[in-house]
């Protein structure tokens, strides 16, 4: 059942629970393990999104200029 749930919503909740469980098995307190799981999730999931949005904002003019230059009707 856990294998099927991990694919739902990108494994949200299941992955964090697994990380917390593994860290607790290693002797780390529940609070530290939970905070670590959230930091890991932020770093692996959302960091790429933020980098992409930041890059898009920085290069917006390049993308806008390229769309004006393309003329599909002259491609014969």
N, C-alpha and C. Protein backbone atom coordinates (compact mmCIF):
# COMPACT_ATOMS: atom_id res chain seq x y z
N UNK A 1 0.83 -1.19 0.00
CA UNK A 1 0.00 0.00 0.00
C UNK A 1 0.87 1.26 0.00
N UNK A 2 1.94 1.23 0.77
CA UNK A 2 2.82 2.40 0.82
C UNK A 2 3.45 2.66 -0.54
N UNK A 3 3.76 1.62 -1.28
CA UNK A 3 4.34 1.78 -2.61
C UNK A 3 3.41 2.52 -3.56
N UNK A 4 2.13 2.29 -3.44
CA UNK A 4 1.16 2.99 -4.29
C UNK A 4 0.97 4.42 -3.84
N UNK A 5 1.01 4.66 -2.55
CA UNK A 5 0.81 6.01 -2.03
C UNK A 5 1.97 6.93 -2.31
N UNK A 6 3.16 6.38 -2.42
CA UNK A 6 4.33 7.24 -2.63
C UNK A 6 4.28 7.97 -3.96
N UNK A 7 3.55 7.43 -4.94
CA UNK A 7 3.45 8.08 -6.24
C UNK A 7 2.39 9.18 -6.27
N UNK A 8 1.48 9.17 -5.32
CA UNK A 8 0.44 10.19 -5.28
C UNK A 8 1.03 11.51 -4.79
N UNK A 9 0.79 12.57 -5.53
CA UNK A 9 1.25 13.91 -5.18
C UNK A 9 2.76 13.97 -4.95
N UNK A 10 3.51 13.26 -5.73
CA UNK A 10 4.96 13.28 -5.62
C UNK A 10 5.48 12.65 -4.34
N UNK A 11 4.69 11.77 -3.75
CA UNK A 11 5.11 11.12 -2.51
C UNK A 11 5.00 12.02 -1.30
N UNK A 12 4.24 13.09 -1.43
CA UNK A 12 4.11 14.06 -0.34
C UNK A 12 3.56 13.38 0.91
N UNK A 13 4.28 13.47 1.97
CA UNK A 13 3.88 12.86 3.23
C UNK A 13 4.54 11.51 3.45
N UNK A 14 4.50 10.66 2.43
CA UNK A 14 5.11 9.33 2.55
C UNK A 14 6.62 9.46 2.61
N UNK A 15 7.18 10.28 1.75
CA UNK A 15 8.64 10.47 1.74
C UNK A 15 9.11 11.08 3.06
N UNK A 16 8.39 12.09 3.52
CA UNK A 16 8.79 12.73 4.77
C UNK A 16 8.68 11.77 5.95
N UNK A 17 7.61 10.98 5.96
CA UNK A 17 7.44 9.99 7.03
C UNK A 17 8.56 8.97 7.02
N UNK A 18 8.97 8.56 5.83
CA UNK A 18 10.07 7.60 5.73
C UNK A 18 11.38 8.20 6.23
N UNK A 19 11.62 9.45 5.87
CA UNK A 19 12.85 10.12 6.31
C UNK A 19 12.86 10.24 7.83
N UNK A 20 11.73 10.66 8.39
CA UNK A 20 11.64 10.80 9.85
C UNK A 20 11.87 9.45 10.52
N UNK A 21 11.24 8.40 10.00
CA UNK A 21 11.41 7.06 10.58
C UNK A 21 12.85 6.58 10.53
N UNK A 22 13.50 6.80 9.40
CA UNK A 22 14.90 6.38 9.27
C UNK A 22 15.80 7.15 10.23
N UNK A 23 15.57 8.47 10.33
CA UNK A 23 16.40 9.27 11.23
C UNK A 23 16.14 8.91 12.69
N UNK A 24 14.90 8.61 13.04
CA UNK A 24 14.61 8.20 14.42
C UNK A 24 15.26 6.86 14.74
N UNK A 25 15.31 5.97 13.77
CA UNK A 25 15.98 4.69 13.96
C UNK A 25 17.47 4.90 14.23
N UNK A 26 18.01 5.96 13.64
CA UNK A 26 19.43 6.27 13.84
C UNK A 26 19.67 6.99 15.16
N UNK A 27 18.60 7.24 15.95
CA UNK A 27 18.77 7.83 17.27
C UNK A 27 18.55 9.34 17.32
N UNK A 28 18.02 9.93 16.26
CA UNK A 28 17.78 11.37 16.22
C UNK A 28 16.37 11.64 16.74
N UNK A 29 16.21 12.72 17.50
CA UNK A 29 14.90 13.03 18.08
C UNK A 29 13.87 13.31 17.00
N UNK A 30 12.59 13.14 17.36
CA UNK A 30 11.51 13.30 16.39
C UNK A 30 11.44 14.72 15.84
N UNK A 31 11.66 15.73 16.68
CA UNK A 31 11.59 17.13 16.23
C UNK A 31 12.70 17.44 15.23
N UNK A 32 13.92 17.01 15.53
CA UNK A 32 15.04 17.24 14.61
C UNK A 32 14.82 16.46 13.31
N UNK A 33 14.33 15.23 13.41
CA UNK A 33 14.08 14.42 12.22
C UNK A 33 13.01 15.06 11.34
N UNK A 34 11.95 15.59 11.94
CA UNK A 34 10.89 16.23 11.17
C UNK A 34 11.40 17.49 10.48
N UNK A 35 12.16 18.30 11.21
CA UNK A 35 12.72 19.52 10.62
C UNK A 35 13.67 19.17 9.48
N UNK A 36 14.46 18.13 9.66
CA UNK A 36 15.38 17.69 8.61
C UNK A 36 14.63 17.21 7.38
N UNK A 37 13.55 16.48 7.59
CA UNK A 37 12.76 15.97 6.47
C UNK A 37 12.16 17.13 5.67
N UNK A 38 11.68 18.14 6.34
CA UNK A 38 11.12 19.30 5.64
C UNK A 38 12.18 20.08 4.88
N UNK A 39 13.36 20.22 5.47
CA UNK A 39 14.46 20.89 4.77
C UNK A 39 14.91 20.10 3.54
N UNK A 40 14.96 18.79 3.69
CA UNK A 40 15.35 17.95 2.56
C UNK A 40 14.32 18.08 1.45
N UNK A 41 13.04 18.05 1.81
CA UNK A 41 11.97 18.15 0.80
C UNK A 41 12.03 19.51 0.11
N UNK A 42 12.24 20.57 0.88
CA UNK A 42 12.35 21.90 0.28
C UNK A 42 13.52 21.95 -0.69
N UNK A 43 14.65 21.42 -0.27
CA UNK A 43 15.85 21.46 -1.10
C UNK A 43 15.73 20.65 -2.37
N UNK A 44 15.10 19.50 -2.31
CA UNK A 44 15.03 18.64 -3.48
C UNK A 44 13.87 18.97 -4.39
N UNK A 45 12.77 19.46 -3.85
CA UNK A 45 11.59 19.68 -4.68
C UNK A 45 11.46 21.13 -5.14
N UNK A 46 11.56 22.06 -4.24
CA UNK A 46 11.25 23.45 -4.55
C UNK A 46 12.45 24.26 -5.02
N UNK A 47 13.66 23.84 -4.72
CA UNK A 47 14.83 24.60 -5.14
C UNK A 47 14.88 24.72 -6.67
N UNK A 48 14.62 23.63 -7.37
CA UNK A 48 14.62 23.66 -8.82
C UNK A 48 13.55 24.57 -9.40
N UNK A 49 12.40 24.60 -8.75
CA UNK A 49 11.32 25.48 -9.19
C UNK A 49 11.75 26.94 -9.05
N UNK A 50 12.32 27.29 -7.91
CA UNK A 50 12.76 28.67 -7.68
C UNK A 50 13.86 29.08 -8.65
N UNK A 51 14.79 28.20 -8.93
CA UNK A 51 15.86 28.50 -9.88
C UNK A 51 15.27 28.72 -11.27
N UNK A 52 14.30 27.90 -11.67
CA UNK A 52 13.67 28.06 -12.97
C UNK A 52 12.91 29.37 -13.10
N UNK A 53 12.16 29.74 -12.08
CA UNK A 53 11.40 30.99 -12.12
C UNK A 53 12.36 32.18 -12.13
N UNK A 54 13.40 32.13 -11.34
CA UNK A 54 14.39 33.20 -11.29
C UNK A 54 15.06 33.37 -12.66
N UNK A 55 15.43 32.26 -13.29
CA UNK A 55 16.06 32.30 -14.60
C UNK A 55 15.10 32.86 -15.65
N UNK A 56 13.86 32.45 -15.58
CA UNK A 56 12.86 32.95 -16.52
C UNK A 56 12.68 34.45 -16.38
N UNK A 57 12.64 34.94 -15.15
CA UNK A 57 12.50 36.38 -14.92
C UNK A 57 13.71 37.14 -15.46
N UNK A 58 14.90 36.61 -15.22
CA UNK A 58 16.12 37.28 -15.70
C UNK A 58 16.21 37.30 -17.22
N UNK A 59 15.70 36.26 -17.87
CA UNK A 59 15.82 36.13 -19.32
C UNK A 59 14.53 36.42 -20.06
N UNK A 60 13.60 37.05 -19.42
CA UNK A 60 12.28 37.31 -20.02
C UNK A 60 12.40 38.08 -21.34
N UNK A 61 13.25 39.10 -21.38
CA UNK A 61 13.38 39.90 -22.59
C UNK A 61 13.90 39.07 -23.76
N UNK A 62 14.82 38.15 -23.49
CA UNK A 62 15.34 37.28 -24.55
C UNK A 62 14.21 36.44 -25.14
N UNK A 63 13.35 35.90 -24.29
CA UNK A 63 12.26 35.07 -24.76
C UNK A 63 11.23 35.89 -25.53
N UNK A 64 10.95 37.10 -25.07
CA UNK A 64 9.99 37.95 -25.75
C UNK A 64 10.51 38.39 -27.11
N UNK A 65 11.79 38.73 -27.21
CA UNK A 65 12.38 39.16 -28.48
C UNK A 65 12.41 38.02 -29.50
N UNK A 66 12.69 36.82 -29.06
CA UNK A 66 12.74 35.67 -29.96
C UNK A 66 11.37 35.36 -30.54
N UNK A 67 10.32 35.56 -29.78
CA UNK A 67 8.98 35.23 -30.29
C UNK A 67 8.56 36.26 -31.35
N UNK A 68 9.06 37.51 -31.29
CA UNK A 68 8.73 38.52 -32.29
C UNK A 68 9.48 38.27 -33.60
N UNK A 69 10.67 37.69 -33.53
CA UNK A 69 11.50 37.49 -34.71
C UNK A 69 11.05 36.31 -35.57
N UNK A 70 10.32 35.40 -35.01
CA UNK A 70 9.95 34.21 -35.77
C UNK A 70 8.74 34.49 -36.66
N UNK A 71 8.93 34.23 -37.94
CA UNK A 71 7.86 34.42 -38.89
C UNK A 71 7.58 33.09 -39.57
N UNK A 72 6.51 32.45 -39.18
CA UNK A 72 6.20 31.12 -39.67
C UNK A 72 5.80 31.15 -41.15
N UNK A 73 5.16 32.23 -41.61
CA UNK A 73 4.70 32.28 -43.00
C UNK A 73 5.85 32.32 -44.00
N UNK A 74 7.04 32.74 -43.62
CA UNK A 74 8.17 32.83 -44.52
C UNK A 74 9.03 31.59 -44.54
N UNK A 75 8.54 30.48 -44.01
CA UNK A 75 9.34 29.26 -43.91
C UNK A 75 9.12 28.33 -45.09
N UNK A 76 8.76 28.80 -46.23
CA UNK A 76 8.49 27.93 -47.38
C UNK A 76 9.73 27.63 -48.16
